[in-house]
Structures are given as structure tokens and as C-alpha cells.
Amino acid sequence: MAHNGTATGAHLLLGLGGSLDVFAGVVQRAPEIFRKLVWSGLPSAHVSAGSAV
């Protein structure tokens, strides 16, 4: 998106990533215990909002 976003002419780009796979039923969500760990303040592999991917 960072590389080709301006070429699309779109004003908003949304990266859905693996969310579409979960929604389509291709993969299962992580167990609830792991999902809660991310929100409890443990470090995660998520990219910060200011980073260009």
C-alpha cells in the first residue's frame, strides 16, 4: 500500500491482512487466551500506526 497507494487514486486504503481469511473460514482465529495476551500489554509483533509497511 505504501508503494502503490497513490497510483490507485483512493483517498483511504485499508489493510485487512488475515482478517479476510478468518472471515472466509479459511483459517481459525487464535485461541482466546492468546488474543487476550495482546491486549494485556504484552509486546506483540504488530506494526505501529506510524510505520510504513
PDB file of N, CA and C in Angstrom:
ATOM      1  N   MET A   1       0.824  -1.176   0.000  1.00  0.00           N
ATOM      2  CA  MET A   1       0.000   0.000   0.000  1.00  0.00           C
ATOM      3  C   MET A   1       0.871   1.244   0.000  1.00  0.00           C
ATOM      4  N   ALA A   2       1.955   1.214   0.744  1.00  0.00           N
ATOM      5  CA  ALA A   2       2.823   2.389   0.788  1.00  0.00           C
ATOM      6  C   ALA A   2       3.445   2.653  -0.578  1.00  0.00           C
ATOM      7  N   HIS A   3       3.733   1.603  -1.301  1.00  0.00           N
ATOM      8  CA  HIS A   3       4.390   1.745  -2.601  1.00  0.00           C
ATOM      9  C   HIS A   3       3.405   2.108  -3.716  1.00  0.00           C
ATOM     10  N   ASN A   4       2.246   1.475  -3.761  1.00  0.00           N
ATOM     11  CA  ASN A   4       1.299   1.640  -4.866  1.00  0.00           C
ATOM     12  C   ASN A   4       0.035   2.413  -4.513  1.00  0.00           C
ATOM     13  N   GLY A   5      -0.087   2.863  -3.290  1.00  0.00           N
ATOM     14  CA  GLY A   5      -1.315   3.516  -2.848  1.00  0.00           C
ATOM     15  C   GLY A   5      -1.698   4.740  -3.647  1.00  0.00           C
ATOM     16  N   THR A   6      -0.747   5.584  -3.967  1.00  0.00           N
ATOM     17  CA  THR A   6      -1.072   6.807  -4.706  1.00  0.00           C
ATOM     18  C   THR A   6      -1.525   6.507  -6.130  1.00  0.00           C
ATOM     19  N   ALA A   7      -1.068   5.411  -6.709  1.00  0.00           N
ATOM     20  CA  ALA A   7      -1.443   5.062  -8.077  1.00  0.00           C
ATOM     21  C   ALA A   7      -2.903   4.638  -8.187  1.00  0.00           C
ATOM     22  N   THR A   8      -3.530   4.250  -7.074  1.00  0.00           N
ATOM     23  CA  THR A   8      -4.923   3.802  -7.120  1.00  0.00           C
ATOM     24  C   THR A   8      -5.904   4.967  -7.196  1.00  0.00           C
ATOM     25  N   GLY A   9      -5.471   6.136  -6.742  1.00  0.00           N
ATOM     26  CA  GLY A   9      -6.379   7.278  -6.710  1.00  0.00           C
ATOM     27  C   GLY A   9      -7.306   7.263  -5.507  1.00  0.00           C
ATOM     28  N   ALA A  10      -7.180   6.257  -4.665  1.00  0.00           N
ATOM     29  CA  ALA A  10      -8.042   6.146  -3.487  1.00  0.00           C
ATOM     30  C   ALA A  10      -7.613   7.152  -2.423  1.00  0.00           C
ATOM     31  N   HIS A  11      -8.566   7.614  -1.641  1.00  0.00           N
ATOM     32  CA  HIS A  11      -8.281   8.533  -0.551  1.00  0.00           C
ATOM     33  C   HIS A  11      -8.075   7.783   0.757  1.00  0.00           C
ATOM     34  N   LEU A  12      -8.495   6.533   0.799  1.00  0.00           N
ATOM     35  CA  LEU A  12      -8.367   5.722   2.002  1.00  0.00           C
ATOM     36  C   LEU A  12      -7.977   4.313   1.597  1.00  0.00           C
ATOM     37  N   LEU A  13      -6.933   3.784   2.212  1.00  0.00           N
ATOM     38  CA  LEU A  13      -6.505   2.408   1.982  1.00  0.00           C
ATOM     39  C   LEU A  13      -6.616   1.661   3.300  1.00  0.00           C
ATOM     40  N   LEU A  14      -7.151   0.466   3.251  1.00  0.00           N
ATOM     41  CA  LEU A  14      -7.371  -0.315   4.463  1.00  0.00           C
ATOM     42  C   LEU A  14      -6.739  -1.689   4.291  1.00  0.00           C
ATOM     43  N   GLY A  15      -5.767  -2.003   5.127  1.00  0.00           N
ATOM     44  CA  GLY A  15      -5.116  -3.309   5.069  1.00  0.00           C
ATOM     45  C   GLY A  15      -5.855  -4.304   5.953  1.00  0.00           C
ATOM     46  N   LEU A  16      -6.481  -5.266   5.345  1.00  0.00           N
ATOM     47  CA  LEU A  16      -7.254  -6.250   6.097  1.00  0.00           C
ATOM     48  C   LEU A  16      -6.432  -7.464   6.504  1.00  0.00           C
ATOM     49  N   GLY A  17      -5.370  -7.745   5.771  1.00  0.00           N
ATOM     50  CA  GLY A  17      -4.489  -8.849   6.128  1.00  0.00           C
ATOM     51  C   GLY A  17      -5.236 -10.161   6.316  1.00  0.00           C
ATOM     52  N   GLY A  18      -4.937 -10.827   7.410  1.00  0.00           N
ATOM     53  CA  GLY A  18      -5.519 -12.139   7.691  1.00  0.00           C
ATOM     54  C   GLY A  18      -6.974 -12.099   8.109  1.00  0.00           C
ATOM     55  N   SER A  19      -7.534 -10.913   8.305  1.00  0.00           N
ATOM     56  CA  SER A  19      -8.940 -10.821   8.711  1.00  0.00           C
ATOM     57  C   SER A  19      -9.865 -11.453   7.685  1.00  0.00           C
ATOM     58  N   LEU A  20      -9.552 -11.278   6.414  1.00  0.00           N
ATOM     59  CA  LEU A  20     -10.393 -11.874   5.378  1.00  0.00           C
ATOM     60  C   LEU A  20     -10.335 -13.393   5.416  1.00  0.00           C
ATOM     61  N   ASP A  21      -9.154 -13.955   5.711  1.00  0.00           N
ATOM     62  CA  ASP A  21      -9.029 -15.410   5.815  1.00  0.00           C
ATOM     63  C   ASP A  21      -9.891 -15.957   6.943  1.00  0.00           C
ATOM     64  N   VAL A  22      -9.896 -15.275   8.083  1.00  0.00           N
ATOM     65  CA  VAL A  22     -10.722 -15.708   9.214  1.00  0.00           C
ATOM     66  C   VAL A  22     -12.194 -15.589   8.858  1.00  0.00           C
ATOM     67  N   PHE A  23     -12.580 -14.459   8.272  1.00  0.00           N
ATOM     68  CA  PHE A  23     -13.975 -14.233   7.916  1.00  0.00           C
ATOM     69  C   PHE A  23     -14.465 -15.262   6.901  1.00  0.00           C
ATOM     70  N   ALA A  24     -13.606 -15.642   5.951  1.00  0.00           N
ATOM     71  CA  ALA A  24     -13.978 -16.610   4.913  1.00  0.00           C
ATOM     72  C   ALA A  24     -13.958 -18.041   5.421  1.00  0.00           C
ATOM     73  N   GLY A  25     -13.420 -18.248   6.635  1.00  0.00           N
ATOM     74  CA  GLY A  25     -13.378 -19.595   7.178  1.00  0.00           C
ATOM     75  C   GLY A  25     -12.183 -20.408   6.712  1.00  0.00           C
ATOM     76  N   VAL A  26     -11.218 -19.761   6.088  1.00  0.00           N
ATOM     77  CA  VAL A  26     -10.019 -20.457   5.601  1.00  0.00           C
ATOM     78  C   VAL A  26      -9.123 -20.844   6.772  1.00  0.00           C
ATOM     79  N   VAL A  27      -9.018 -19.983   7.765  1.00  0.00           N
ATOM     80  CA  VAL A  27      -8.229 -20.257   8.962  1.00  0.00           C
ATOM     81  C   VAL A  27      -9.075 -19.947  10.189  1.00  0.00           C
ATOM     82  N   GLN A  28      -8.689 -20.509  11.317  1.00  0.00           N
ATOM     83  CA  GLN A  28      -9.386 -20.235  12.561  1.00  0.00           C
ATOM     84  C   GLN A  28      -8.693 -19.097  13.289  1.00  0.00           C
ATOM     85  N   ARG A  29      -9.440 -18.397  14.119  1.00  0.00           N
ATOM     86  CA  ARG A  29      -8.848 -17.356  14.956  1.00  0.00           C
ATOM     87  C   ARG A  29      -7.941 -18.003  15.984  1.00  0.00           C
ATOM     88  N   ALA A  30      -7.037 -17.211  16.509  1.00  0.00           N
ATOM     89  CA  ALA A  30      -6.173 -17.679  17.585  1.00  0.00           C
ATOM     90  C   ALA A  30      -7.036 -17.971  18.813  1.00  0.00           C
ATOM     91  N   PRO A  31      -6.599 -18.899  19.656  1.00  0.00           N
ATOM     92  CA  PRO A  31      -7.346 -19.152  20.888  1.00  0.00           C
ATOM     93  C   PRO A  31      -7.493 -17.871  21.712  1.00  0.00           C
ATOM     94  N   GLU A  32      -8.582 -17.787  22.452  1.00  0.00           N
ATOM     95  CA  GLU A  32      -8.896 -16.567  23.195  1.00  0.00           C
ATOM     96  C   GLU A  32      -7.785 -16.158  24.149  1.00  0.00           C
ATOM     97  N   ILE A  33      -7.106 -17.114  24.747  1.00  0.00           N
ATOM     98  CA  ILE A  33      -6.032 -16.788  25.688  1.00  0.00           C
ATOM     99  C   ILE A  33      -4.939 -15.976  25.004  1.00  0.00           C
ATOM    100  N   PHE A  34      -4.613 -16.300  23.761  1.00  0.00           N
ATOM    101  CA  PHE A  34      -3.591 -15.555  23.037  1.00  0.00           C
ATOM    102  C   PHE A  34      -4.087 -14.180  22.603  1.00  0.00           C
ATOM    103  N   ARG A  35      -5.353 -14.096  22.236  1.00  0.00           N
ATOM    104  CA  ARG A  35      -5.908 -12.791  21.852  1.00  0.00           C
ATOM    105  C   ARG A  35      -5.912 -11.846  23.042  1.00  0.00           C
ATOM    106  N   LYS A  36      -6.200 -12.367  24.238  1.00  0.00           N
ATOM    107  CA  LYS A  36      -6.213 -11.530  25.434  1.00  0.00           C
ATOM    108  C   LYS A  36      -4.811 -11.077  25.826  1.00  0.00           C
ATOM    109  N   LEU A  37      -3.813 -11.884  25.559  1.00  0.00           N
ATOM    110  CA  LEU A  37      -2.438 -11.517  25.897  1.00  0.00           C
ATOM    111  C   LEU A  37      -2.000 -10.249  25.169  1.00  0.00           C
ATOM    112  N   VAL A  38      -2.399 -10.111  23.924  1.00  0.00           N
ATOM    113  CA  VAL A  38      -2.022  -8.933  23.147  1.00  0.00           C
ATOM    114  C   VAL A  38      -2.595  -7.685  23.792  1.00  0.00           C
ATOM    115  N   TRP A  39      -3.838  -7.736  24.257  1.00  0.00           N
ATOM    116  CA  TRP A  39      -4.484  -6.558  24.836  1.00  0.00           C
ATOM    117  C   TRP A  39      -4.060  -6.301  26.268  1.00  0.00           C
ATOM    118  N   SER A  40      -3.364  -7.256  26.904  1.00  0.00           N
ATOM    119  CA  SER A  40      -2.978  -7.070  28.296  1.00  0.00           C
ATOM    120  C   SER A  40      -1.695  -6.263  28.437  1.00  0.00           C
ATOM    121  N   GLY A  41      -1.104  -5.840  27.333  1.00  0.00           N
ATOM    122  CA  GLY A  41       0.083  -5.008  27.401  1.00  0.00           C
ATOM    123  C   GLY A  41       1.369  -5.741  27.082  1.00  0.00           C
ATOM    124  N   LEU A  42       1.287  -7.018  26.765  1.00  0.00           N
ATOM    125  CA  LEU A  42       2.490  -7.739  26.383  1.00  0.00           C
ATOM    126  C   LEU A  42       2.966  -7.261  25.019  1.00  0.00           C
ATOM    127  N   PRO A  43       4.275  -7.263  24.786  1.00  0.00           N
ATOM    128  CA  PRO A  43       4.772  -6.854  23.467  1.00  0.00           C
ATOM    129  C   PRO A  43       4.209  -7.761  22.382  1.00  0.00           C
ATOM    130  N   SER A  44       3.969  -7.199  21.233  1.00  0.00           N
ATOM    131  CA  SER A  44       3.443  -8.003  20.132  1.00  0.00           C
ATOM    132  C   SER A  44       4.180  -7.642  18.850  1.00  0.00           C
ATOM    133  N   ALA A  45       3.881  -8.385  17.808  1.00  0.00           N
ATOM    134  CA  ALA A  45       4.553  -8.167  16.525  1.00  0.00           C
ATOM    135  C   ALA A  45       3.796  -7.192  15.649  1.00  0.00           C
ATOM    136  N   HIS A  46       2.808  -6.504  16.201  1.00  0.00           N
ATOM    137  CA  HIS A  46       2.011  -5.583  15.402  1.00  0.00           C
ATOM    138  C   HIS A  46       2.847  -4.380  14.977  1.00  0.00           C
ATOM    139  N   VAL A  47       2.561  -3.866  13.809  1.00  0.00           N
ATOM    140  CA  VAL A  47       3.243  -2.676  13.303  1.00  0.00           C
ATOM    141  C   VAL A  47       2.562  -1.450  13.892  1.00  0.00           C
ATOM    142  N   SER A  48       3.344  -0.504  14.333  1.00  0.00           N
ATOM    143  CA  SER A  48       2.751   0.705  14.920  1.00  0.00           C
ATOM    144  C   SER A  48       2.085   1.526  13.819  1.00  0.00           C
ATOM    145  N   ALA A  49       1.163   2.363  14.210  1.00  0.00           N
ATOM    146  CA  ALA A  49       0.364   3.134  13.258  1.00  0.00           C
ATOM    147  C   ALA A  49       1.218   4.068  12.412  1.00  0.00           C
ATOM    148  N   GLY A  50       2.359   4.514  12.905  1.00  0.00           N
ATOM    149  CA  GLY A  50       3.181   5.450  12.169  1.00  0.00           C
ATOM    150  C   GLY A  50       4.155   4.807  11.204  1.00  0.00           C
ATOM    151  N   SER A  51       4.240   3.493  11.182  1.00  0.00           N
ATOM    152  CA  SER A  51       5.212   2.806  10.352  1.00  0.00           C
ATOM    153  C   SER A  51       4.702   2.612   8.942  1.00  0.00           C
ATOM    154  N   ALA A  52       5.582   2.718   7.984  1.00  0.00           N
ATOM    155  CA  ALA A  52       5.247   2.383   6.591  1.00  0.00           C
ATOM    156  C   ALA A  52       5.593   0.930   6.362  1.00  0.00           C
ATOM    157  N   VAL A  53       4.667   0.183   5.846  1.00  0.00           N
ATOM    158  CA  VAL A  53       4.892  -1.252   5.619  1.00  0.00           C
ATOM    159  C   VAL A  53       5.215  -1.492   4.179  1.00  0.00           C
TER     160      VAL A  53
END
